[in-house]
Amino acid sequence: MKNRNIQLRHEARRRHAACRPFLAFALLLSLLTACRPKTEVQPVTPQRDTLDAKPAKAAAQQQPLNYQTANKGKIEAVSEIPVCSRLAEQIVMFGIERTGQYVKKGQVVARLSDAALREKILLSKAKLEKAEFQYEAILMGQGYKHGHLDDAPDNLKKVARINSGYNVAKAELQELQLQLSYCTVVAPVSGYVLKIQNTLYGAAKPGEALFSIVDIDHLKVSFDVLENELAKYEMGAKVEATTVAYPGEQHPATISAVSPVIDENGMIHVEATLAPHPHLLPGMTAFVTIEPVRQ
């Protein structure tokens, strides 16, 4: 019995020794919790982001009193001139190499074959000489000497020219000489080449354009405005055009045309003449602004 009690005591001591680490950890944890300062948990309320609103307000305060309206439009050439041939001949010289090439007024841009015309001119000159001989023969038959044919009265000389065919032969020669001048094609204005429609050794036809020339010295900007803005765009009003290619440049323009008709969308077509500038080209997208007069 005594031995049984001793065994129970040893077993109790072992259990107590095994629980000591857990008791020490629990005591340390309770001490740390007791030493931590108590803080009140405040409910988080959503706040509005005012960082973006303030600059917008400031920007609004910086706006000038006079407002501006912008209208999108296109820069166009006042005139696009087709260069045509007046003869049906082969092109033997074509001085246009590429679109965008600059040509000056009076510059030779093409030559047509003149071989057939020169042959006709030779025959026409021979015909005229024959008519002159017959003209003189008629006057001499009326009693006037060869060196004094001019002494004949005007009505007699007129009849002699008609009967000899002199007038017809002379007119034909003049027409052929005029056609010969058409074999040399010159630029009617200065500008840039656009829409090349023929080439070297091609067949030129009367009335058909060989190419076109854009006159960039006379440009306009075309745009549409709302009906309620029409009063701002009167004839002669000053506007400014800014292109997408050069947004930092403002080009002055003057209202030169206003459509008398309002379309089904309530828009009115307006055109403004631009001052020449090397950065302005037909086809550019532009934004037109006009500043109303302060009342």
C-alpha atoms as a PDB file:
ATOM      1  CA  MET A   1       0.000   0.000   0.000  1.00  0.00           C
ATOM      2  CA  LYS A   2       2.839   2.291   0.859  1.00  0.00           C
ATOM      3  CA  ASN A   3       4.492   1.634  -2.461  1.00  0.00           C
ATOM      4  CA  ARG A   4       1.228   2.433  -4.283  1.00  0.00           C
ATOM      5  CA  ASN A   5       1.047   5.892  -2.732  1.00  0.00           C
ATOM      6  CA  ILE A   6       4.627   6.652  -3.645  1.00  0.00           C
ATOM      7  CA  GLN A   7       3.926   5.822  -7.307  1.00  0.00           C
ATOM      8  CA  LEU A   8       0.886   8.103  -7.381  1.00  0.00           C
ATOM      9  CA  ARG A   9       2.938  10.997  -5.996  1.00  0.00           C
ATOM     10  CA  HIS A  10       5.662  10.570  -8.621  1.00  0.00           C
ATOM     11  CA  GLU A  11       3.058  10.468 -11.402  1.00  0.00           C
ATOM     12  CA  ALA A  12       1.415  13.678 -10.138  1.00  0.00           C
ATOM     13  CA  ARG A  13       4.798  15.425 -10.043  1.00  0.00           C
ATOM     14  CA  ARG A  14       5.506  14.408 -13.648  1.00  0.00           C
ATOM     15  CA  ARG A  15       2.142  15.771 -14.807  1.00  0.00           C
ATOM     16  CA  HIS A  16       2.733  19.039 -12.923  1.00  0.00           C
ATOM     17  CA  ALA A  17       6.204  19.409 -14.504  1.00  0.00           C
ATOM     18  CA  ALA A  18       4.736  18.814 -18.000  1.00  0.00           C
ATOM     19  CA  CYS A  19       2.122  21.560 -17.547  1.00  0.00           C
ATOM     20  CA  ARG A  20       4.588  24.214 -16.342  1.00  0.00           C
ATOM     21  CA  PRO A  21       5.606  25.467 -19.870  1.00  0.00           C
ATOM     22  CA  PHE A  22       1.977  25.912 -20.865  1.00  0.00           C
ATOM     23  CA  LEU A  23       1.196  27.770 -17.677  1.00  0.00           C
ATOM     24  CA  ALA A  24       4.205  30.061 -18.173  1.00  0.00           C
ATOM     25  CA  PHE A  25       3.165  30.873 -21.766  1.00  0.00           C
ATOM     26  CA  ALA A  26      -0.403  31.606 -20.686  1.00  0.00           C
ATOM     27  CA  LEU A  27       0.886  33.897 -17.895  1.00  0.00           C
ATOM     28  CA  LEU A  28       3.181  35.776 -20.342  1.00  0.00           C
ATOM     29  CA  LEU A  29       0.372  36.233 -22.838  1.00  0.00           C
ATOM     30  CA  SER A  30      -1.940  37.632 -20.158  1.00  0.00           C
ATOM     31  CA  LEU A  31       0.761  40.084 -19.053  1.00  0.00           C
ATOM     32  CA  LEU A  32       1.328  41.347 -22.607  1.00  0.00           C
ATOM     33  CA  THR A  33      -2.384  41.802 -23.119  1.00  0.00           C
ATOM     34  CA  ALA A  34      -2.713  43.727 -19.888  1.00  0.00           C
ATOM     35  CA  CYS A  35       0.170  46.090 -20.843  1.00  0.00           C
ATOM     36  CA  ARG A  36      -1.228  47.024 -24.339  1.00  0.00           C
ATOM     37  CA  PRO A  37      -3.026  50.432 -24.353  1.00  0.00           C
ATOM     38  CA  LYS A  38      -6.693  50.319 -25.112  1.00  0.00           C
ATOM     39  CA  THR A  39      -7.781  52.061 -28.301  1.00  0.00           C
ATOM     40  CA  GLU A  40     -11.261  52.849 -29.403  1.00  0.00           C
ATOM     41  CA  VAL A  41     -12.205  51.608 -32.801  1.00  0.00           C
ATOM     42  CA  GLN A  42     -13.679  54.462 -34.783  1.00  0.00           C
ATOM     43  CA  PRO A  43     -16.086  53.621 -37.569  1.00  0.00           C
ATOM     44  CA  VAL A  44     -14.672  54.389 -41.012  1.00  0.00           C
ATOM     45  CA  THR A  45     -16.892  56.771 -42.906  1.00  0.00           C
ATOM     46  CA  PRO A  46     -16.452  57.131 -46.687  1.00  0.00           C
ATOM     47  CA  GLN A  47     -15.053  60.519 -47.684  1.00  0.00           C
ATOM     48  CA  ARG A  48     -15.481  62.230 -51.029  1.00  0.00           C
ATOM     49  CA  ASP A  49     -12.392  62.725 -53.125  1.00  0.00           C
ATOM     50  CA  THR A  50     -12.019  66.495 -53.320  1.00  0.00           C
ATOM     51  CA  LEU A  51      -8.568  66.509 -54.920  1.00  0.00           C
ATOM     52  CA  ASP A  52     -10.058  66.508 -58.428  1.00  0.00           C
ATOM     53  CA  ALA A  53     -12.860  68.909 -57.646  1.00  0.00           C
ATOM     54  CA  LYS A  54     -10.626  71.734 -56.404  1.00  0.00           C
ATOM     55  CA  PRO A  55      -8.440  72.041 -59.521  1.00  0.00           C
ATOM     56  CA  ALA A  56     -11.560  71.932 -61.701  1.00  0.00           C
ATOM     57  CA  LYS A  57     -13.022  74.788 -59.715  1.00  0.00           C
ATOM     58  CA  ALA A  58      -9.805  76.702 -59.962  1.00  0.00           C
ATOM     59  CA  ALA A  59      -9.687  76.087 -63.689  1.00  0.00           C
ATOM     60  CA  ALA A  60     -13.224  77.324 -63.989  1.00  0.00           C
ATOM     61  CA  GLN A  61     -12.282  80.477 -62.149  1.00  0.00           C
ATOM     62  CA  GLN A  62      -9.418  81.081 -64.611  1.00  0.00           C
ATOM     63  CA  GLN A  63     -11.669  80.981 -67.686  1.00  0.00           C
ATOM     64  CA  PRO A  64     -11.887  84.323 -69.501  1.00  0.00           C
ATOM     65  CA  LEU A  65     -15.116  86.212 -69.667  1.00  0.00           C
ATOM     66  CA  ASN A  66     -15.260  85.843 -73.454  1.00  0.00           C
ATOM     67  CA  TYR A  67     -15.943  82.268 -74.560  1.00  0.00           C
ATOM     68  CA  GLN A  68     -14.963  80.688 -77.837  1.00  0.00           C
ATOM     69  CA  THR A  69     -16.710  78.200 -80.067  1.00  0.00           C
ATOM     70  CA  ALA A  70     -14.770  75.749 -82.208  1.00  0.00           C
ATOM     71  CA  ASN A  71     -16.006  74.177 -85.425  1.00  0.00           C
ATOM     72  CA  LYS A  72     -14.283  71.365 -87.275  1.00  0.00           C
ATOM     73  CA  GLY A  73     -13.625  71.958 -90.949  1.00  0.00           C
ATOM     74  CA  LYS A  74     -11.367  71.307 -93.926  1.00  0.00           C
ATOM     75  CA  ILE A  75      -8.834  73.485 -95.681  1.00  0.00           C
ATOM     76  CA  GLU A  76      -9.521  73.613 -99.406  1.00  0.00           C
ATOM     77  CA  ALA A  77      -8.030  75.249-102.448  1.00  0.00           C
ATOM     78  CA  VAL A  78     -10.071  78.070-103.872  1.00  0.00           C
ATOM     79  CA  SER A  79      -9.312  76.732-107.330  1.00  0.00           C
ATOM     80  CA  GLU A  80      -8.115  73.369-108.653  1.00  0.00           C
ATOM     81  CA  ILE A  81      -7.108  73.900-112.267  1.00  0.00           C
ATOM     82  CA  PRO A  82      -6.970  70.991-114.759  1.00  0.00           C
ATOM     83  CA  VAL A  83      -4.200  71.171-117.359  1.00  0.00           C
ATOM     84  CA  CYS A  84      -5.661  69.843-120.608  1.00  0.00           C
ATOM     85  CA  SER A  85      -4.448  69.144-124.093  1.00  0.00           C
ATOM     86  CA  ARG A  86      -6.167  70.821-127.034  1.00  0.00           C
ATOM     87  CA  LEU A  87      -4.933  68.281-129.544  1.00  0.00           C
ATOM     88  CA  ALA A  88      -5.203  64.543-130.042  1.00  0.00           C
ATOM     89  CA  GLU A  89      -1.497  63.788-130.238  1.00  0.00           C
ATOM     90  CA  GLN A  90       1.101  61.623-128.540  1.00  0.00           C
ATOM     91  CA  ILE A  91       2.944  63.045-125.543  1.00  0.00           C
ATOM     92  CA  VAL A  92       6.660  63.142-126.380  1.00  0.00           C
ATOM     93  CA  MET A  93       7.775  65.098-123.290  1.00  0.00           C
ATOM     94  CA  PHE A  94       6.118  64.987-119.880  1.00  0.00           C
ATOM     95  CA  GLY A  95       7.688  67.147-117.202  1.00  0.00           C
ATOM     96  CA  ILE A  96       5.529  65.939-114.334  1.00  0.00           C
ATOM     97  CA  GLU A  97       7.245  63.292-112.248  1.00  0.00           C
ATOM     98  CA  ARG A  98       5.193  63.026-109.066  1.00  0.00           C
ATOM     99  CA  THR A  99       2.185  64.298-107.196  1.00  0.00           C
ATOM    100  CA  GLY A 100       3.057  67.327-105.100  1.00  0.00           C
ATOM    101  CA  GLN A 101       5.628  68.627-107.580  1.00  0.00           C
ATOM    102  CA  TYR A 102       5.751  72.418-107.666  1.00  0.00           C
ATOM    103  CA  VAL A 103       5.356  74.143-111.029  1.00  0.00           C
ATOM    104  CA  LYS A 104       5.531  77.821-111.938  1.00  0.00           C
ATOM    105  CA  LYS A 105       3.152  79.725-114.153  1.00  0.00           C
ATOM    106  CA  GLY A 106       4.343  79.526-117.778  1.00  0.00           C
ATOM    107  CA  GLN A 107       6.600  76.518-117.152  1.00  0.00           C
ATOM    108  CA  VAL A 108       6.612  73.949-119.976  1.00  0.00           C
ATOM    109  CA  VAL A 109       5.095  70.790-118.517  1.00  0.00           C
ATOM    110  CA  ALA A 110       4.489  68.701-121.649  1.00  0.00           C
ATOM    111  CA  ARG A 111       5.093  68.581-125.401  1.00  0.00           C
ATOM    112  CA  LEU A 112       2.987  66.835-128.014  1.00  0.00           C
ATOM    113  CA  SER A 113       4.127  65.325-131.282  1.00  0.00           C
ATOM    114  CA  ASP A 114       4.023  68.000-134.024  1.00  0.00           C
ATOM    115  CA  ALA A 115       5.206  65.955-137.022  1.00  0.00           C
ATOM    116  CA  ALA A 116       1.749  65.692-138.628  1.00  0.00           C
ATOM    117  CA  LEU A 117       1.049  69.385-138.070  1.00  0.00           C
ATOM    118  CA  ARG A 118       4.317  70.505-139.620  1.00  0.00           C
ATOM    119  CA  GLU A 119       3.541  68.465-142.724  1.00  0.00           C
ATOM    120  CA  LYS A 120       0.126  70.089-142.957  1.00  0.00           C
ATOM    121  CA  ILE A 121       1.719  73.505-142.570  1.00  0.00           C
ATOM    122  CA  LEU A 122       4.037  72.851-145.535  1.00  0.00           C
ATOM    123  CA  LEU A 123       1.075  71.902-147.712  1.00  0.00           C
ATOM    124  CA  SER A 124      -0.885  74.908-146.501  1.00  0.00           C
ATOM    125  CA  LYS A 125       1.973  77.270-147.374  1.00  0.00           C
ATOM    126  CA  ALA A 126       2.086  75.825-150.895  1.00  0.00           C
ATOM    127  CA  LYS A 127      -1.661  76.326-151.212  1.00  0.00           C
ATOM    128  CA  LEU A 128      -1.334  79.918-150.066  1.00  0.00           C
ATOM    129  CA  GLU A 129       1.402  80.611-152.628  1.00  0.00           C
ATOM    130  CA  LYS A 130      -0.841  79.268-155.385  1.00  0.00           C
ATOM    131  CA  ALA A 131      -3.690  81.468-154.191  1.00  0.00           C
ATOM    132  CA  GLU A 132      -1.424  84.522-154.171  1.00  0.00           C
ATOM    133  CA  PHE A 133      -0.401  83.820-157.769  1.00  0.00           C
ATOM    134  CA  GLN A 134      -4.033  83.551-158.839  1.00  0.00           C
ATOM    135  CA  TYR A 135      -4.857  86.756-156.970  1.00  0.00           C
ATOM    136  CA  GLU A 136      -2.151  88.673-158.812  1.00  0.00           C
ATOM    137  CA  ALA A 137      -3.248  87.142-162.126  1.00  0.00           C
ATOM    138  CA  ILE A 138      -6.788  88.394-161.608  1.00  0.00           C
ATOM    139  CA  LEU A 139      -5.633  91.954-160.903  1.00  0.00           C
ATOM    140  CA  MET A 140      -3.205  91.939-163.819  1.00  0.00           C
ATOM    141  CA  GLY A 141      -6.058  90.759-166.024  1.00  0.00           C
ATOM    142  CA  GLN A 142      -7.854  93.946-165.021  1.00  0.00           C
ATOM    143  CA  GLY A 143      -5.002  96.043-166.477  1.00  0.00           C
ATOM    144  CA  TYR A 144      -2.858  96.548-163.377  1.00  0.00           C
ATOM    145  CA  LYS A 145       0.866  95.936-163.649  1.00  0.00           C
ATOM    146  CA  HIS A 146       2.718  93.530-161.359  1.00  0.00           C
ATOM    147  CA  GLY A 147       4.427  96.239-159.346  1.00  0.00           C
ATOM    148  CA  HIS A 148       1.312  98.372-159.033  1.00  0.00           C
ATOM    149  CA  LEU A 149      -1.333  95.899-157.885  1.00  0.00           C
ATOM    150  CA  ASP A 150      -2.002  97.962-154.778  1.00  0.00           C
ATOM    151  CA  ASP A 151      -3.365 100.727-157.030  1.00  0.00           C
ATOM    152  CA  ALA A 152      -6.433  98.632-157.700  1.00  0.00           C
ATOM    153  CA  PRO A 153      -9.568  99.673-155.776  1.00  0.00           C
ATOM    154  CA  ASP A 154     -10.418  97.822-152.571  1.00  0.00           C
ATOM    155  CA  ASN A 155     -13.583  96.245-153.901  1.00  0.00           C
ATOM    156  CA  LEU A 156     -11.690  94.791-156.863  1.00  0.00           C
ATOM    157  CA  LYS A 157      -8.953  93.388-154.623  1.00  0.00           C
ATOM    158  CA  LYS A 158     -11.598  91.868-152.369  1.00  0.00           C
ATOM    159  CA  VAL A 159     -13.228  90.082-155.277  1.00  0.00           C
ATOM    160  CA  ALA A 160      -9.807  88.881-156.471  1.00  0.00           C
ATOM    161  CA  ARG A 161      -8.954  87.408-153.031  1.00  0.00           C
ATOM    162  CA  ILE A 162     -12.262  85.564-152.893  1.00  0.00           C
ATOM    163  CA  ASN A 163     -12.068  84.174-156.414  1.00  0.00           C
ATOM    164  CA  SER A 164      -8.440  83.092-156.008  1.00  0.00           C
ATOM    165  CA  GLY A 165      -9.049  81.346-152.663  1.00  0.00           C
ATOM    166  CA  TYR A 166      -6.439  83.535-151.045  1.00  0.00           C
ATOM    167  CA  ASN A 167      -8.493  84.288-147.911  1.00  0.00           C
ATOM    168  CA  VAL A 168      -9.279  80.622-147.283  1.00  0.00           C
ATOM    169  CA  ALA A 169      -5.675  79.500-147.766  1.00  0.00           C
ATOM    170  CA  LYS A 170      -4.369  82.192-145.406  1.00  0.00           C
ATOM    171  CA  ALA A 171      -6.922  81.317-142.684  1.00  0.00           C
ATOM    172  CA  GLU A 172      -6.041  77.624-142.918  1.00  0.00           C
ATOM    173  CA  LEU A 173      -2.346  78.375-142.473  1.00  0.00           C
ATOM    174  CA  GLN A 174      -3.004  80.582-139.454  1.00  0.00           C
ATOM    175  CA  GLU A 175      -5.145  77.857-137.867  1.00  0.00           C
ATOM    176  CA  LEU A 176      -2.420  75.248-138.368  1.00  0.00           C
ATOM    177  CA  GLN A 177       0.199  77.552-136.858  1.00  0.00           C
ATOM    178  CA  LEU A 178      -2.046  78.106-133.848  1.00  0.00           C
ATOM    179  CA  GLN A 179      -2.456  74.353-133.421  1.00  0.00           C
ATOM    180  CA  LEU A 180       1.307  73.986-133.587  1.00  0.00           C
ATOM    181  CA  SER A 181       1.609  76.280-130.567  1.00  0.00           C
ATOM    182  CA  TYR A 182      -0.760  73.931-128.685  1.00  0.00           C
ATOM    183  CA  CYS A 183       1.866  71.194-128.923  1.00  0.00           C
ATOM    184  CA  THR A 184       3.677  72.983-126.100  1.00  0.00           C
ATOM    185  CA  VAL A 185       1.687  72.725-122.865  1.00  0.00           C
ATOM    186  CA  VAL A 186       2.495  75.252-120.132  1.00  0.00           C
ATOM    187  CA  ALA A 187       1.289  75.604-116.558  1.00  0.00           C
ATOM    188  CA  PRO A 188      -1.508  78.184-116.401  1.00  0.00           C
ATOM    189  CA  VAL A 189      -0.822  79.013-112.728  1.00  0.00           C
ATOM    190  CA  SER A 190       1.772  78.333-110.062  1.00  0.00           C
ATOM    191  CA  GLY A 191       0.993  75.548-107.612  1.00  0.00           C
ATOM    192  CA  TYR A 192       1.399  71.885-106.739  1.00  0.00           C
ATOM    193  CA  VAL A 193       0.619  68.973-109.037  1.00  0.00           C
ATOM    194  CA  LEU A 194      -2.407  66.859-108.190  1.00  0.00           C
ATOM    195  CA  LYS A 195      -4.189  63.939-109.894  1.00  0.00           C
ATOM    196  CA  ILE A 196      -1.752  62.920-112.626  1.00  0.00           C
ATOM    197  CA  GLN A 197      -3.879  61.314-115.344  1.00  0.00           C
ATOM    198  CA  ASN A 198      -1.423  60.735-118.191  1.00  0.00           C
ATOM    199  CA  THR A 199       2.218  59.865-118.792  1.00  0.00           C
ATOM    200  CA  LEU A 200       5.079  60.045-121.250  1.00  0.00           C
ATOM    201  CA  TYR A 201       4.182  58.610-124.689  1.00  0.00           C
ATOM    202  CA  GLY A 202       0.551  58.479-123.674  1.00  0.00           C
ATOM    203  CA  ALA A 203      -2.229  59.647-125.985  1.00  0.00           C
ATOM    204  CA  ALA A 204      -3.470  63.116-125.199  1.00  0.00           C
ATOM    205  CA  LYS A 205      -7.095  63.890-126.039  1.00  0.00           C
ATOM    206  CA  PRO A 206      -8.746  67.296-126.387  1.00  0.00           C
ATOM    207  CA  GLY A 207     -10.528  68.348-123.203  1.00  0.00           C
ATOM    208  CA  GLU A 208      -9.040  65.578-121.050  1.00  0.00           C
ATOM    209  CA  ALA A 209      -6.807  66.688-118.208  1.00  0.00           C
ATOM    210  CA  LEU A 210      -3.190  65.574-118.181  1.00  0.00           C
ATOM    211  CA  PHE A 211      -3.012  66.536-114.494  1.00  0.00           C
ATOM    212  CA  SER A 212      -4.345  69.179-112.121  1.00  0.00           C
ATOM    213  CA  ILE A 213      -2.693  72.057-110.283  1.00  0.00           C
ATOM    214  CA  VAL A 214      -3.706  73.226-106.824  1.00  0.00           C
ATOM    215  CA  ASP A 215      -3.198  76.916-106.207  1.00  0.00           C
ATOM    216  CA  ILE A 216      -2.010  76.999-102.573  1.00  0.00           C
ATOM    217  CA  ASP A 217      -1.680  80.775-102.590  1.00  0.00           C
ATOM    218  CA  HIS A 218      -5.468  81.013-102.416  1.00  0.00           C
ATOM    219  CA  LEU A 219      -6.898  78.756 -99.702  1.00  0.00           C
ATOM    220  CA  LYS A 220     -10.085  78.662 -97.696  1.00  0.00           C
ATOM    221  CA  VAL A 221     -11.404  76.742 -94.704  1.00  0.00           C
ATOM    222  CA  SER A 222     -14.888  75.257 -95.024  1.00  0.00           C
ATOM    223  CA  PHE A 223     -16.963  74.302 -91.989  1.00  0.00           C
ATOM    224  CA  ASP A 224     -20.553  74.042 -90.734  1.00  0.00           C
ATOM    225  CA  VAL A 225     -22.115  75.968 -87.860  1.00  0.00           C
ATOM    226  CA  LEU A 226     -25.334  75.574 -85.933  1.00  0.00           C
ATOM    227  CA  GLU A 227     -28.281  77.742 -86.816  1.00  0.00           C
ATOM    228  CA  ASN A 228     -28.189  79.512 -83.453  1.00  0.00           C
ATOM    229  CA  GLU A 229     -24.556  80.559 -84.079  1.00  0.00           C
ATOM    230  CA  LEU A 230     -25.175  82.108 -87.492  1.00  0.00           C
ATOM    231  CA  ALA A 231     -25.143  85.679 -86.156  1.00  0.00           C
ATOM    232  CA  LYS A 232     -21.502  85.285 -85.113  1.00  0.00           C
ATOM    233  CA  TYR A 233     -20.366  84.302 -88.609  1.00  0.00           C
ATOM    234  CA  GLU A 234     -21.362  87.305 -90.668  1.00  0.00           C
ATOM    235  CA  MET A 235     -19.597  88.247 -93.889  1.00  0.00           C
ATOM    236  CA  GLY A 236     -16.242  89.819 -93.118  1.00  0.00           C
ATOM    237  CA  ALA A 237     -16.038  88.437 -89.577  1.00  0.00           C
ATOM    238  CA  LYS A 238     -12.548  87.563 -88.360  1.00  0.00           C
ATOM    239  CA  VAL A 239     -11.861  83.973 -87.309  1.00  0.00           C
ATOM    240  CA  GLU A 240      -8.823  81.846 -86.555  1.00  0.00           C
ATOM    241  CA  ALA A 241      -8.020  78.383 -87.872  1.00  0.00           C
ATOM    242  CA  THR A 242      -5.828  75.852 -86.073  1.00  0.00           C
ATOM    243  CA  THR A 243      -4.710  72.701 -87.868  1.00  0.00           C
ATOM    244  CA  VAL A 244      -4.235  69.263 -86.353  1.00  0.00           C
ATOM    245  CA  ALA A 245      -0.750  69.064 -87.870  1.00  0.00           C
ATOM    246  CA  TYR A 246       0.389  72.342 -86.253  1.00  0.00           C
ATOM    247  CA  PRO A 247      -1.828  72.843 -83.184  1.00  0.00           C
ATOM    248  CA  GLY A 248       0.336  75.655 -81.842  1.00  0.00           C
ATOM    249  CA  GLU A 249      -0.268  77.894 -84.858  1.00  0.00           C
ATOM    250  CA  GLN A 250      -3.315  80.105 -85.323  1.00  0.00           C
ATOM    251  CA  HIS A 251      -3.985  81.357 -88.835  1.00  0.00           C
ATOM    252  CA  PRO A 252      -6.209  84.401 -89.397  1.00  0.00           C
ATOM    253  CA  ALA A 253      -9.112  84.086 -91.796  1.00  0.00           C
ATOM    254  CA  THR A 254     -12.036  86.169 -92.964  1.00  0.00           C
ATOM    255  CA  ILE A 255     -15.579  84.909 -93.559  1.00  0.00           C
ATOM    256  CA  SER A 256     -16.061  85.081 -97.319  1.00  0.00           C
ATOM    257  CA  ALA A 257     -19.149  82.951 -97.969  1.00  0.00           C
ATOM    258  CA  VAL A 258     -22.229  81.903 -95.994  1.00  0.00           C
ATOM    259  CA  SER A 259     -24.750  79.471 -97.409  1.00  0.00           C
ATOM    260  CA  PRO A 260     -28.242  80.927 -97.760  1.00  0.00           C
ATOM    261  CA  VAL A 261     -29.776  77.519 -96.998  1.00  0.00           C
ATOM    262  CA  ILE A 262     -30.002  75.656 -93.681  1.00  0.00           C
ATOM    263  CA  ASP A 263     -29.791  71.901 -94.099  1.00  0.00           C
ATOM    264  CA  GLU A 264     -32.084  69.333 -92.519  1.00  0.00           C
ATOM    265  CA  ASN A 265     -29.774  69.023 -89.501  1.00  0.00           C
ATOM    266  CA  GLY A 266     -29.920  72.725 -88.739  1.00  0.00           C
ATOM    267  CA  MET A 267     -26.399  73.365 -90.019  1.00  0.00           C
ATOM    268  CA  ILE A 268     -25.159  76.182 -92.249  1.00  0.00           C
ATOM    269  CA  HIS A 269     -22.102  75.935 -94.496  1.00  0.00           C
ATOM    270  CA  VAL A 270     -19.543  78.717 -94.030  1.00  0.00           C
ATOM    271  CA  GLU A 271     -16.260  79.466 -95.805  1.00  0.00           C
ATOM    272  CA  ALA A 272     -13.414  81.705 -94.692  1.00  0.00           C
ATOM    273  CA  THR A 273     -10.476  82.892 -96.793  1.00  0.00           C
ATOM    274  CA  LEU A 274      -7.047  82.119 -95.329  1.00  0.00           C
ATOM    275  CA  ALA A 275      -3.839  84.059 -95.644  1.00  0.00           C
ATOM    276  CA  PRO A 276      -1.076  82.070 -97.422  1.00  0.00           C
ATOM    277  CA  HIS A 277       1.236  80.066 -95.158  1.00  0.00           C
ATOM    278  CA  PRO A 278       3.711  77.222 -95.887  1.00  0.00           C
ATOM    279  CA  HIS A 279       2.097  75.041 -93.197  1.00  0.00           C
ATOM    280  CA  LEU A 280      -1.355  75.213 -94.791  1.00  0.00           C
ATOM    281  CA  LEU A 281      -2.243  72.588 -97.394  1.00  0.00           C
ATOM    282  CA  PRO A 282      -5.537  71.525 -98.977  1.00  0.00           C
ATOM    283  CA  GLY A 283      -7.203  68.642 -97.175  1.00  0.00           C
ATOM    284  CA  MET A 284      -5.925  69.504 -93.701  1.00  0.00           C
ATOM    285  CA  THR A 285      -8.320  69.199 -90.777  1.00  0.00           C
ATOM    286  CA  ALA A 286      -8.781  72.520 -89.023  1.00  0.00           C
ATOM    287  CA  PHE A 287     -10.677  73.925 -86.055  1.00  0.00           C
ATOM    288  CA  VAL A 288     -12.174  77.360 -86.530  1.00  0.00           C
ATOM    289  CA  THR A 289     -12.749  79.636 -83.551  1.00  0.00           C
ATOM    290  CA  ILE A 290     -14.459  82.976 -83.305  1.00  0.00           C
ATOM    291  CA  GLU A 291     -14.613  85.231 -80.264  1.00  0.00           C
ATOM    292  CA  PRO A 292     -17.909  87.037 -79.847  1.00  0.00           C
ATOM    293  CA  VAL A 293     -17.892  90.746 -79.169  1.00  0.00           C
ATOM    294  CA  ARG A 294     -18.429  91.536 -75.485  1.00  0.00           C
ATOM    295  CA  GLN A 295     -21.714  93.319 -74.899  1.00  0.00           C
END
